[in-house]
Protein backbone atom coordinates (compact mmCIF):
# COMPACT_ATOMS: atom_id res chain seq x y z
CA UNK A 1 178.40 206.13 180.99
CA UNK A 2 181.43 205.19 182.76
CA UNK A 3 181.09 201.58 181.07
CA UNK A 4 181.30 203.27 177.70
CA UNK A 5 184.18 205.21 178.65
CA UNK A 6 186.02 202.14 179.83
CA UNK A 7 185.09 200.51 176.40
CA UNK A 8 186.55 203.20 174.38
CA UNK A 9 189.62 203.31 176.71
CA UNK A 10 190.08 199.55 176.09
CA UNK A 11 189.70 200.11 172.27
CA UNK A 12 192.39 202.84 172.51
CA UNK A 13 194.90 200.61 174.44
CA UNK A 14 194.48 197.70 172.00
CA UNK A 15 194.86 199.90 169.05
CA UNK A 16 197.95 201.58 170.41
CA UNK A 17 199.41 198.05 170.78
CA UNK A 18 198.60 197.45 167.11
CA UNK A 19 200.24 200.78 166.01
CA UNK A 20 203.35 199.60 167.82
CA UNK A 21 203.36 196.14 166.23
CA UNK A 22 202.65 197.40 162.64
CA UNK A 23 204.12 199.95 160.55
CA UNK A 24 201.47 200.09 157.74
CA UNK A 25 197.82 201.36 158.56
CA UNK A 26 195.40 201.25 155.66
CA UNK A 27 191.76 202.70 155.84
CA UNK A 28 189.13 201.11 153.75
CA UNK A 29 185.59 202.17 152.90
CA UNK A 30 183.01 200.04 154.42
CA UNK A 31 180.45 200.96 151.77
CA UNK A 32 178.65 197.82 150.15
CA UNK A 33 180.90 195.53 152.46
CA UNK A 34 179.05 192.80 154.24
CA UNK A 35 180.03 191.28 157.55
CA UNK A 36 180.55 188.01 155.67
CA UNK A 37 182.93 189.45 153.32
CA UNK A 38 184.97 190.73 156.13
CA UNK A 39 184.98 187.48 157.77
CA UNK A 40 186.30 185.67 154.56
CA UNK A 41 188.92 188.41 154.03
CA UNK A 42 190.09 187.76 157.55
CA UNK A 43 190.37 184.11 157.05
CA UNK A 44 192.33 184.62 153.63
CA UNK A 45 194.81 187.10 154.89
CA UNK A 46 195.39 185.63 158.30
CA UNK A 47 198.75 186.12 159.50
CA UNK A 48 199.54 188.98 157.06
CA UNK A 49 197.42 191.61 158.65
CA UNK A 50 194.73 192.29 161.23
CA UNK A 51 191.30 194.13 160.49
CA UNK A 52 189.71 196.20 163.05
CA UNK A 53 186.60 198.36 162.90
CA UNK A 54 187.36 201.52 164.78
CA UNK A 55 185.94 204.85 164.85
CA UNK A 56 188.05 207.64 163.43
CA UNK A 57 188.03 209.64 166.64
CA UNK A 58 189.32 206.63 168.55
CA UNK A 59 191.98 205.86 165.86
CA UNK A 60 193.13 209.47 166.09
CA UNK A 61 193.50 209.40 169.96
CA UNK A 62 195.38 206.16 169.60
CA UNK A 63 197.81 207.37 167.05
CA UNK A 64 198.42 210.52 169.02
CA UNK A 65 199.02 208.19 172.24
CA UNK A 66 201.44 206.11 170.10
CA UNK A 67 203.31 209.39 168.99
CA UNK A 68 202.61 208.97 165.16
CA UNK A 69 203.42 211.86 163.06
CA UNK A 70 200.87 213.29 160.50
CA UNK A 71 197.99 211.97 162.41
CA UNK A 72 195.39 214.66 161.73
CA UNK A 73 196.33 214.52 157.98
CA UNK A 74 195.73 210.96 157.86
CA UNK A 75 192.43 211.04 159.75
CA UNK A 76 191.31 213.88 157.53
CA UNK A 77 192.13 211.87 154.46
CA UNK A 78 189.92 208.98 155.41
CA UNK A 79 186.88 210.77 156.53
CA UNK A 80 183.73 208.52 156.91
CA UNK A 81 183.15 205.05 158.11
CA UNK A 82 186.15 202.83 157.81
CA UNK A 83 187.59 199.52 158.48
CA UNK A 84 191.47 199.73 159.53
CA UNK A 85 193.74 197.21 158.33
CA UNK A 86 197.36 196.83 160.19
CA UNK A 87 200.25 195.12 158.45
CA UNK A 88 203.91 195.18 157.93
CA UNK A 89 203.61 194.19 154.32
CA UNK A 90 203.78 196.15 151.14
CA UNK A 91 200.89 198.61 151.00
CA UNK A 92 200.71 198.14 147.26
CA UNK A 93 200.58 194.32 147.38
CA UNK A 94 197.85 194.91 149.92
CA UNK A 95 195.82 197.15 147.55
CA UNK A 96 196.15 194.38 144.69
CA UNK A 97 194.97 191.59 146.96
CA UNK A 98 192.03 193.67 147.95
CA UNK A 99 191.08 194.46 144.48
CA UNK A 100 191.36 190.66 143.62
CA UNK A 101 189.04 189.83 146.59
CA UNK A 102 186.25 192.16 145.20
CA UNK A 103 183.20 190.23 143.95
CA UNK A 104 180.52 191.46 141.31
CA UNK A 105 177.17 192.65 142.65
CA UNK A 106 173.96 194.37 141.49
CA UNK A 107 174.32 198.09 141.20
CA UNK A 108 172.28 200.56 143.11
CA UNK A 109 170.99 203.86 142.22
CA UNK A 110 173.85 206.45 142.42
CA UNK A 111 176.65 203.83 141.61
CA UNK A 112 179.06 204.65 138.79
CA UNK A 113 179.29 202.31 136.08
CA UNK A 114 182.67 200.46 136.27
CA UNK A 115 182.73 199.77 132.51
CA UNK A 116 180.40 200.23 129.50
CA UNK A 117 177.09 198.63 130.01
CA UNK A 118 175.16 196.83 127.41
CA UNK A 119 171.81 195.24 127.26
CA UNK A 120 172.02 192.41 124.90
CA UNK A 121 169.47 191.62 122.09
CA UNK A 122 167.12 188.72 122.73
CA UNK A 123 164.55 187.48 125.00
CA UNK A 124 164.59 189.22 128.33
CA UNK A 125 162.14 186.82 130.04
CA UNK A 126 160.20 189.73 131.43
CA UNK A 127 156.45 190.06 131.03
CA UNK A 128 155.05 193.08 129.31
CA UNK A 129 153.76 195.92 131.63
CA UNK A 130 155.46 198.81 133.32
CA UNK A 131 158.86 197.39 132.62
CA UNK A 132 158.36 198.43 128.83
CA UNK A 133 158.57 202.21 129.71
CA UNK A 134 161.84 201.63 131.60
CA UNK A 135 163.26 200.04 128.47
CA UNK A 136 162.14 203.08 126.39
CA UNK A 137 163.41 205.48 129.12
CA UNK A 138 166.91 203.96 128.39
CA UNK A 139 166.62 204.08 124.66
CA UNK A 140 166.32 200.53 124.45
CA UNK A 141 164.16 199.35 121.35
CA UNK A 142 161.94 196.25 122.26
CA UNK A 143 158.97 194.09 120.91
CA UNK A 144 156.70 191.83 122.35
CA UNK A 145 156.87 188.15 121.50
CA UNK A 146 155.55 184.91 123.09
CA UNK A 147 154.27 186.87 126.10
CA UNK A 148 157.79 188.47 126.88
CA UNK A 149 159.83 191.52 126.16
CA UNK A 150 162.39 191.12 123.49
CA UNK A 151 165.39 193.56 122.92
CA UNK A 152 165.72 194.29 119.28
CA UNK A 153 169.46 194.83 119.27
CA UNK A 154 172.47 195.22 121.55
CA UNK A 155 172.04 198.63 123.29
CA UNK A 156 174.67 200.57 125.24
CA UNK A 157 172.99 202.08 128.27
CA UNK A 158 175.98 203.64 130.22
CA UNK A 159 179.53 204.28 129.50
CA UNK A 160 182.23 203.81 132.10
CA UNK A 161 181.92 206.41 134.89
CA UNK A 162 178.19 207.23 134.13
CA UNK A 163 175.78 207.43 137.16
CA UNK A 164 173.41 204.65 137.34
CA UNK A 165 169.88 205.65 137.74
CA UNK A 166 167.08 203.87 139.92
CA UNK A 167 165.37 202.68 136.79
CA UNK A 168 168.68 201.31 135.24
CA UNK A 169 169.67 199.63 138.36
CA UNK A 170 166.32 197.97 138.67
CA UNK A 171 166.39 196.87 135.05
CA UNK A 172 170.05 195.63 135.28
CA UNK A 173 169.05 193.43 138.24
CA UNK A 174 166.04 191.91 136.57
CA UNK A 175 168.21 191.08 133.67
CA UNK A 176 170.91 189.41 135.94
CA UNK A 177 173.51 191.92 134.79
CA UNK A 178 175.98 192.64 137.69
CA UNK A 179 177.26 196.37 137.10
CA UNK A 180 178.90 196.87 140.41
CA UNK A 181 181.62 195.44 142.82
CA UNK A 182 181.63 194.77 146.54
CA UNK A 183 184.83 194.84 148.46
CA UNK A 184 187.15 196.84 150.38
CA UNK A 185 188.52 200.04 148.59
CA UNK A 186 191.39 201.77 150.35
CA UNK A 187 191.02 205.36 151.04
CA UNK A 188 194.62 206.14 152.05
CA UNK A 189 197.49 204.15 153.65
CA UNK A 190 199.62 205.35 156.54
CA UNK A 191 203.28 204.24 156.54
CA UNK A 192 205.82 205.78 159.02
CA UNK A 193 204.31 209.32 158.83
CA UNK A 194 203.69 209.09 154.95
CA UNK A 195 200.14 209.09 153.65
CA UNK A 196 199.51 207.28 150.16
CA UNK A 197 196.06 208.06 148.65
CA UNK A 198 194.02 204.96 147.81
CA UNK A 199 194.00 205.82 143.96
CA UNK A 200 197.78 205.70 143.73
CA UNK A 201 197.84 202.23 145.27
CA UNK A 202 196.14 200.26 142.69
CA UNK A 203 198.69 199.63 139.91
CA UNK A 204 198.15 198.68 136.08
CA UNK A 205 200.30 195.65 136.14
CA UNK A 206 199.90 194.70 132.35
CA UNK A 207 200.58 198.27 131.56
CA UNK A 208 203.69 198.48 133.57
CA UNK A 209 204.92 195.20 132.47
CA UNK A 210 204.63 196.22 128.76
CA UNK A 211 206.39 199.49 129.54
CA UNK A 212 209.29 197.63 131.19
CA UNK A 213 209.55 194.99 128.41
CA UNK A 214 209.72 198.07 125.77
CA UNK A 215 212.21 199.80 127.91
CA UNK A 216 214.35 196.69 128.31
CA UNK A 217 214.12 195.94 124.56
CA UNK A 218 215.08 199.62 123.72
CA UNK A 219 218.29 199.48 126.11
CA UNK A 220 219.30 196.12 124.34
CA UNK A 221 219.30 197.58 120.84
CA UNK A 222 221.13 200.71 121.98
CA UNK A 223 223.71 198.31 123.88
CA UNK A 224 224.12 196.33 120.56
CA UNK A 225 224.73 199.32 118.41
CA UNK A 226 227.07 200.89 120.98
CA UNK A 227 228.86 197.38 121.09
CA UNK A 228 228.65 197.59 124.98
CA UNK A 229 229.61 194.19 126.18
CA UNK A 230 227.39 192.54 129.01
CA UNK A 231 226.41 189.10 129.81
CA UNK A 232 223.25 189.81 128.01
CA UNK A 233 224.62 191.26 125.02
CA UNK A 234 227.90 189.38 124.44
CA UNK A 235 226.14 186.24 122.79
CA UNK A 236 224.50 188.54 120.31
CA UNK A 237 227.47 190.60 119.64
CA UNK A 238 229.72 187.65 118.94
CA UNK A 239 226.94 186.47 116.47
CA UNK A 240 226.86 189.70 114.80
CA UNK A 241 230.62 189.90 114.56
CA UNK A 242 230.83 186.39 113.01
CA UNK A 243 228.02 187.15 110.47
CA UNK A 244 230.03 190.50 109.54
CA UNK A 245 233.40 188.71 109.37
CA UNK A 246 231.79 185.91 107.11
CA UNK A 247 230.23 188.54 104.80
CA UNK A 248 233.53 190.47 104.38
CA UNK A 249 235.43 187.01 103.51
CA UNK A 250 232.73 186.16 101.04
CA UNK A 251 232.93 189.40 99.24
CA UNK A 252 236.81 189.20 99.31
CA UNK A 253 236.76 185.56 98.04
CA UNK A 254 238.49 184.16 101.01
CA UNK A 255 237.93 180.64 101.06
CA UNK A 256 237.31 178.94 104.51
CA UNK A 257 235.29 175.73 105.38
CA UNK A 258 232.60 178.18 106.41
CA UNK A 259 232.70 180.40 103.24
CA UNK A 260 233.55 177.98 100.48
CA UNK A 261 229.99 176.89 99.59
CA UNK A 262 228.66 180.46 99.40
CA UNK A 263 231.73 181.68 97.34
CA UNK A 264 231.28 178.66 94.96
CA UNK A 265 227.56 179.59 94.84
CA UNK A 266 228.22 183.30 94.23
CA UNK A 267 230.98 182.47 91.35
CA UNK A 268 228.33 180.09 89.80
CA UNK A 269 225.60 182.86 89.81
CA UNK A 270 228.01 185.33 88.37
CA UNK A 271 229.15 182.98 85.68
CA UNK A 272 225.48 182.25 84.67
CA UNK A 273 224.76 185.96 84.57
CA UNK A 274 227.70 186.55 82.29
CA UNK A 275 226.68 183.50 80.20
CA UNK A 276 223.14 185.15 79.70
CA UNK A 277 224.77 188.38 78.60
CA UNK A 278 227.16 186.63 76.14
CA UNK A 279 224.18 184.64 74.78
CA UNK A 280 221.86 187.70 74.38
CA UNK A 281 224.63 189.71 72.50
CA UNK A 282 223.67 189.80 68.65
CA UNK A 283 226.01 188.07 66.32
CA UNK A 284 228.21 190.54 64.15
């Protein structure tokens, strides 16, 4: 018993040292995470963070000893089995790196579909037997050909967010369709007393990039219409001014090396138009 107590005390002591060294503490769900995956993650992110598997009770004690505010709120937000990540880096960048490190895996009963799942038409390579009823239970039309089950047409068996049943999980695995992901998913991040939920950490970068580009384009157009001079707008404003000045000069017939050709062309077109009208006038 005393040995267990000493081990826990050692864990708390080491954790307190980590809490003093790092400002950001992230709690990640250990569901579907294999030990080999953690080892690979440690190698790929070495120098950027430290990964420790610590019980929530010991983490709470450690945070209280390190005098971290909002400790109880953080522990409540990360209930369940966790692995804790300690870093001084940007928590949003950490979340994105963890998302990129995830790998596709076969779904199990109870998992949620990450996207729309479709069983494609063609030869499944599965022999007829009990599996036919599993196809039928999912609304997949089949036929028997050359001793195998063939799917008649592409069939959607689940939409994003749908729960995957045991029969569906078995069928998808037999067909080699990986419908789940394995990797660390952040539950929450603690940074200097502030708690950020995991679902707020994963950013839709393409969407934000598109919005930013649209905002920049809109601001540029407003600046041009308002003739607001900046290093970005000045070249375009000068080009617009030159174009306007040239049009005014052409309309006024003011001849310069830049306008002469267009004034002559305009006069020639007007002369031809007048000639056509004269020629079209009936003789009296």
